[in-house]
Amino acid sequence: MSGSQGRKSSDKIFNSESISNLTKPQLFSLYDEDITNPTESNSLYQIVNDSKLKSTQDKVQLSNDNSTLFQKLIHFIFSLFVLGVSGIIYLEISQNLHDNHQLHSSFTSKPVIVINKIIKWVFNDNIPLLLQHEWIIYAIEGILFGSVIPILDLIFLQKSKAQLKNDDSSLFGILRIVNAMLGVAFGIRKLDWSSSLQAAGVWGLLNIVMWLFFDGTISLLMESLLASIGVTISCLQEFQNIDSTIIRNSYEISQFLYFEDFYFLGFLIFGKLGRYLFF
């Protein structure tokens, strides 16, 4: 029994050696096992292949980076365009945010004088004809409104863009707050108010309700509140140098609340829109 097993194992060894001899080249005996060992030429060949592969990968990575950079540039330009158009629409709609008493519709277009002053300072009073158009000023104001909140988020909140994106609402949420703003514009103008202070006070309460309902984040509340107060003070100071009829009422509570409400609502809407576009 053991003899038969020995013959079988020897037959297997003989068969494997025969197959190996058949598959080996005729000149294999001259090179022996060195043919399978890495030589200098093989190493150089491998280095060349590795360098070609790395070069190809670098080109692909560079192409992807360029494509990503181009996409970011297009997205940035598109975001500025959307904010500019939104600024024009917002300022046109906001002319209905008055109570037919002291809060006149012309006041909503007055704040752009601050931007006009900045433009005059930049261009040394030689303002280009394009920048003298009212809609261009509205577009610039929309871009500023939409950029302030995202910039403040990145500076003070120390959050990543993904976190800020998750904290913010979707486009549907922005459309809802715009719809609410239209309701406020209609109500402020159409309802009968006993005084402008009453209208401005109710508008301010509605702004807080809209913030609670559509956002609710402390960051947007504080940023919108501080930014609107700063711009309101700048506007009231500038009005004193323009219209003597406003000087008597510039520091009345109703006037201050009116501009505060106007800019708080603007920063609330454009802040959410800016977060949506840039994050």
Protein backbone atom coordinates (compact mmCIF):
# COMPACT_ATOMS: atom_id res chain seq x y z
CA MET A 1 0.00 0.00 0.00
CA SER A 2 2.81 2.35 0.90
CA GLY A 3 4.62 1.37 -2.30
CA SER A 4 1.72 2.43 -4.48
CA GLN A 5 1.49 5.78 -2.68
CA GLY A 6 5.22 6.35 -3.24
CA ARG A 7 4.86 5.61 -6.93
CA LYS A 8 1.96 8.08 -7.19
CA SER A 9 3.90 10.87 -5.48
CA SER A 10 6.93 10.26 -7.68
CA ASP A 11 4.71 10.34 -10.76
CA LYS A 12 3.30 13.71 -9.65
CA ILE A 13 6.79 15.12 -9.15
CA PHE A 14 7.86 13.83 -12.55
CA ASN A 15 4.80 15.31 -14.23
CA SER A 16 5.31 18.72 -12.59
CA GLU A 17 8.96 18.77 -13.62
CA SER A 18 8.01 17.83 -17.17
CA ILE A 19 5.46 20.63 -17.36
CA SER A 20 7.99 23.06 -15.92
CA ASN A 21 10.58 22.03 -18.48
CA LEU A 22 8.10 22.47 -21.30
CA THR A 23 7.10 25.95 -20.19
CA LYS A 24 10.65 27.22 -19.63
CA PRO A 25 12.41 28.91 -22.55
CA GLN A 26 15.29 27.13 -24.24
CA LEU A 27 17.79 29.73 -23.04
CA PHE A 28 16.55 29.63 -19.48
CA SER A 29 19.48 27.46 -18.45
CA LEU A 30 21.89 30.22 -19.49
CA TYR A 31 20.25 32.76 -17.21
CA ASP A 32 19.08 30.37 -14.53
CA GLU A 33 16.94 32.04 -11.87
CA ASP A 34 18.34 35.52 -12.52
CA ILE A 35 15.79 36.06 -15.26
CA THR A 36 13.05 36.31 -12.67
CA ASN A 37 15.02 38.57 -10.34
CA PRO A 38 14.75 42.37 -10.65
CA THR A 39 17.63 43.80 -12.63
CA GLU A 40 18.78 47.36 -13.20
CA SER A 41 16.94 47.55 -16.52
CA ASN A 42 13.77 46.29 -14.90
CA SER A 43 14.11 48.85 -12.13
CA LEU A 44 14.56 51.66 -14.65
CA TYR A 45 11.54 50.42 -16.57
CA GLN A 46 9.49 50.42 -13.38
CA ILE A 47 10.67 53.92 -12.50
CA VAL A 48 9.67 55.19 -15.95
CA ASN A 49 6.24 53.59 -15.64
CA ASP A 50 5.76 55.03 -12.16
CA SER A 51 6.75 58.50 -13.33
CA LYS A 52 4.36 58.29 -16.29
CA LEU A 53 1.55 57.14 -14.02
CA LYS A 54 2.25 59.91 -11.54
CA SER A 55 2.37 62.48 -14.34
CA THR A 56 -0.97 61.26 -15.65
CA GLN A 57 -2.49 61.40 -12.18
CA ASP A 58 -1.15 64.92 -11.66
CA LYS A 59 -2.68 66.04 -14.96
CA VAL A 60 -6.02 64.53 -14.04
CA GLN A 61 -5.88 66.17 -10.59
CA LEU A 62 -4.97 69.54 -12.14
CA SER A 63 -7.82 69.21 -14.61
CA ASN A 64 -10.23 68.41 -11.79
CA ASP A 65 -8.94 71.37 -9.75
CA ASN A 66 -9.37 73.71 -12.73
CA SER A 67 -12.85 72.38 -13.34
CA THR A 68 -13.75 72.83 -9.67
CA LEU A 69 -12.32 76.36 -9.65
CA PHE A 70 -14.30 77.25 -12.77
CA GLN A 71 -17.48 75.86 -11.24
CA LYS A 72 -16.89 77.85 -8.06
CA LEU A 73 -16.34 81.01 -10.10
CA ILE A 74 -19.55 80.47 -12.06
CA HIS A 75 -21.44 79.78 -8.83
CA PHE A 76 -20.01 82.94 -7.22
CA ILE A 77 -21.01 85.11 -10.20
CA PHE A 78 -24.46 83.53 -10.25
CA SER A 79 -24.86 84.19 -6.50
CA LEU A 80 -23.94 87.86 -6.94
CA PHE A 81 -26.42 88.13 -9.81
CA VAL A 82 -29.21 86.58 -7.73
CA LEU A 83 -28.47 88.89 -4.80
CA GLY A 84 -28.37 91.92 -7.10
CA VAL A 85 -31.71 91.10 -8.70
CA SER A 86 -33.18 90.33 -5.28
CA GLY A 87 -31.96 93.71 -4.04
CA ILE A 88 -33.78 95.48 -6.86
CA ILE A 89 -36.99 93.53 -6.22
CA TYR A 90 -36.78 94.04 -2.46
CA LEU A 91 -36.29 97.80 -2.69
CA GLU A 92 -39.15 98.10 -5.17
CA ILE A 93 -41.48 96.08 -2.95
CA SER A 94 -40.35 97.87 0.19
CA GLN A 95 -41.72 101.15 -1.14
CA ASN A 96 -45.08 99.82 0.01
CA LEU A 97 -43.82 99.53 3.60
CA HIS A 98 -45.34 102.74 4.92
CA ASP A 99 -48.42 103.80 6.87
CA ASN A 100 -49.53 106.90 4.95
CA HIS A 101 -48.56 109.06 7.94
CA GLN A 102 -44.94 109.89 8.73
CA LEU A 103 -43.61 106.64 7.27
CA HIS A 104 -43.67 107.67 3.63
CA SER A 105 -42.78 105.37 0.75
CA SER A 106 -39.92 107.64 -0.32
CA PHE A 107 -38.05 106.82 2.89
CA THR A 108 -37.31 103.29 1.73
CA SER A 109 -35.28 104.61 -1.18
CA LYS A 110 -33.42 107.12 0.99
CA PRO A 111 -31.01 104.63 2.60
CA VAL A 112 -29.23 104.17 -0.71
CA ILE A 113 -27.72 107.62 -0.18
CA VAL A 114 -25.25 105.95 2.18
CA ILE A 115 -24.07 103.71 -0.66
CA ASN A 116 -23.98 106.75 -2.94
CA LYS A 117 -21.73 108.48 -0.44
CA ILE A 118 -19.38 105.48 -0.39
CA ILE A 119 -19.30 105.38 -4.20
CA LYS A 120 -18.51 109.09 -4.36
CA TRP A 121 -15.66 108.57 -1.91
CA VAL A 122 -14.28 105.64 -3.92
CA PHE A 123 -14.43 107.44 -7.27
CA ASN A 124 -13.54 110.87 -5.87
CA ASP A 125 -16.92 112.35 -6.95
CA ASN A 126 -16.37 111.19 -10.54
CA ILE A 127 -19.09 108.54 -10.47
CA PRO A 128 -19.43 106.47 -13.66
CA LEU A 129 -22.72 106.83 -15.47
CA LEU A 130 -23.59 103.18 -14.84
CA LEU A 131 -23.35 103.58 -11.07
CA GLN A 132 -25.66 106.59 -11.13
CA HIS A 133 -28.64 104.44 -12.02
CA GLU A 134 -30.98 103.74 -9.10
CA TRP A 135 -31.32 100.04 -9.87
CA ILE A 136 -27.55 99.58 -9.79
CA ILE A 137 -27.49 101.03 -6.28
CA TYR A 138 -30.32 98.69 -5.29
CA ALA A 139 -28.37 95.74 -6.70
CA ILE A 140 -25.25 96.75 -4.75
CA GLU A 141 -27.30 97.01 -1.59
CA GLY A 142 -28.74 93.54 -2.20
CA ILE A 143 -25.24 92.10 -2.63
CA LEU A 144 -24.08 93.78 0.58
CA PHE A 145 -27.15 92.56 2.46
CA GLY A 146 -26.60 89.00 1.27
CA SER A 147 -22.87 89.00 2.02
CA VAL A 148 -22.76 90.50 5.52
CA ILE A 149 -24.42 87.60 7.37
CA PRO A 150 -22.33 84.79 5.77
CA ILE A 151 -19.13 86.75 6.44
CA LEU A 152 -20.08 87.32 10.07
CA ASP A 153 -20.95 83.62 10.36
CA LEU A 154 -17.50 82.57 9.21
CA ILE A 155 -15.76 85.09 11.46
CA PHE A 156 -17.65 84.70 14.72
CA LEU A 157 -19.40 81.33 14.62
CA GLN A 158 -16.29 79.33 13.72
CA LYS A 159 -18.40 76.73 11.94
CA SER A 160 -17.70 74.86 8.77
CA LYS A 161 -19.68 75.58 5.64
CA ALA A 162 -21.41 72.21 5.94
CA GLN A 163 -22.62 73.05 9.45
CA LEU A 164 -23.88 76.46 8.38
CA LYS A 165 -25.59 74.88 5.41
CA ASN A 166 -27.33 72.37 7.66
CA ASP A 167 -28.38 75.10 10.11
CA ASP A 168 -29.97 77.14 7.36
CA SER A 169 -33.26 76.60 5.59
CA SER A 170 -33.80 75.43 2.08
CA LEU A 171 -34.95 77.50 -0.87
CA PHE A 172 -38.52 76.64 0.10
CA GLY A 173 -37.97 78.31 3.47
CA ILE A 174 -36.67 81.45 1.74
CA LEU A 175 -39.76 81.57 -0.48
CA ARG A 176 -41.96 81.30 2.60
CA ILE A 177 -40.31 84.25 4.33
CA VAL A 178 -40.57 86.30 1.12
CA ASN A 179 -44.27 85.51 1.00
CA ALA A 180 -44.57 86.62 4.62
CA MET A 181 -42.79 89.87 3.78
CA LEU A 182 -45.36 90.57 1.07
CA GLY A 183 -48.09 90.08 3.65
CA VAL A 184 -46.38 92.53 5.99
CA ALA A 185 -46.02 95.09 3.19
CA PHE A 186 -49.72 94.84 2.38
CA GLY A 187 -50.83 94.97 6.02
CA ILE A 188 -48.65 97.92 7.04
CA ARG A 189 -49.97 100.01 4.18
CA LYS A 190 -53.63 99.04 4.13
CA LEU A 191 -54.50 98.93 7.84
CA ASP A 192 -55.51 102.08 9.66
CA TRP A 193 -53.02 103.10 12.32
CA SER A 194 -53.51 105.68 15.03
CA SER A 195 -49.88 106.77 14.69
CA SER A 196 -46.68 105.93 12.87
CA LEU A 197 -45.20 104.73 16.15
CA GLN A 198 -47.93 102.11 16.37
CA ALA A 199 -47.29 100.95 12.80
CA ALA A 200 -43.53 100.76 13.31
CA GLY A 201 -43.97 98.92 16.61
CA VAL A 202 -46.31 96.32 15.11
CA TRP A 203 -43.93 95.87 12.18
CA GLY A 204 -41.08 95.25 14.62
CA LEU A 205 -43.09 92.60 16.46
CA LEU A 206 -43.92 90.93 13.15
CA ASN A 207 -40.21 90.82 12.32
CA ILE A 208 -39.52 88.96 15.58
CA VAL A 209 -42.36 86.54 14.82
CA MET A 210 -40.96 85.90 11.34
CA TRP A 211 -37.50 85.30 12.78
CA LEU A 212 -38.89 82.79 15.29
CA PHE A 213 -40.98 81.02 12.69
CA PHE A 214 -38.57 80.94 9.75
CA ASP A 215 -35.15 80.80 11.41
CA GLY A 216 -34.94 80.94 15.20
CA THR A 217 -31.13 81.01 15.40
CA ILE A 218 -29.54 83.41 17.88
CA SER A 219 -26.70 84.12 15.45
CA LEU A 220 -28.96 85.50 12.72
CA LEU A 221 -30.98 87.50 15.27
CA MET A 222 -27.93 89.20 16.78
CA GLU A 223 -26.20 89.77 13.45
CA SER A 224 -29.32 91.22 11.82
CA LEU A 225 -30.08 93.35 14.87
CA LEU A 226 -26.58 94.82 15.19
CA ALA A 227 -26.19 95.37 11.44
CA SER A 228 -29.59 97.03 11.14
CA ILE A 229 -28.91 99.33 14.11
CA GLY A 230 -25.57 100.37 12.64
CA VAL A 231 -27.02 101.13 9.22
CA THR A 232 -30.03 102.90 10.77
CA ILE A 233 -27.81 105.26 12.76
CA SER A 234 -25.75 105.99 9.63
CA CYS A 235 -28.90 106.74 7.65
CA LEU A 236 -30.39 109.05 10.27
CA GLN A 237 -27.14 110.99 10.56
CA GLU A 238 -26.95 111.31 6.80
CA PHE A 239 -30.56 112.51 6.54
CA GLN A 240 -29.79 115.52 8.71
CA ASN A 241 -27.48 116.83 5.99
CA ILE A 242 -30.00 116.34 3.19
CA ASP A 243 -33.53 117.29 4.12
CA SER A 244 -34.32 119.92 6.71
CA THR A 245 -37.85 118.56 7.10
CA ILE A 246 -36.44 115.28 8.34
CA ILE A 247 -34.22 116.95 10.93
CA ARG A 248 -37.20 117.66 13.18
CA ASN A 249 -38.27 114.01 13.15
CA SER A 250 -35.01 112.16 12.57
CA TYR A 251 -34.64 111.08 16.19
CA GLU A 252 -38.28 110.33 16.83
CA ILE A 253 -38.87 106.79 17.96
CA SER A 254 -41.17 106.04 15.04
CA GLN A 255 -38.55 107.01 12.49
CA PHE A 256 -35.84 105.01 14.23
CA LEU A 257 -38.08 101.95 14.54
CA TYR A 258 -39.10 102.30 10.91
CA PHE A 259 -35.53 102.06 9.62
CA GLU A 260 -34.67 99.41 12.19
CA ASP A 261 -37.63 97.30 11.04
CA PHE A 262 -36.77 97.88 7.40
CA TYR A 263 -33.15 96.81 7.71
CA PHE A 264 -33.81 93.98 10.15
CA LEU A 265 -36.25 92.44 7.68
CA GLY A 266 -33.75 92.99 4.87
CA PHE A 267 -30.87 91.34 6.72
CA LEU A 268 -33.16 88.49 7.79
CA ILE A 269 -34.21 87.69 4.23
CA PHE A 270 -30.88 88.33 2.53
CA GLY A 271 -28.96 86.63 5.34
CA LYS A 272 -30.84 83.39 4.74
CA LEU A 273 -30.51 83.83 0.98
CA GLY A 274 -26.77 84.48 1.30
CA ARG A 275 -26.30 81.38 3.45
CA TYR A 276 -28.19 79.34 0.88
CA LEU A 277 -26.14 80.66 -2.04
CA PHE A 278 -22.65 80.76 -0.53
CA PHE A 279 -22.83 77.73 1.78
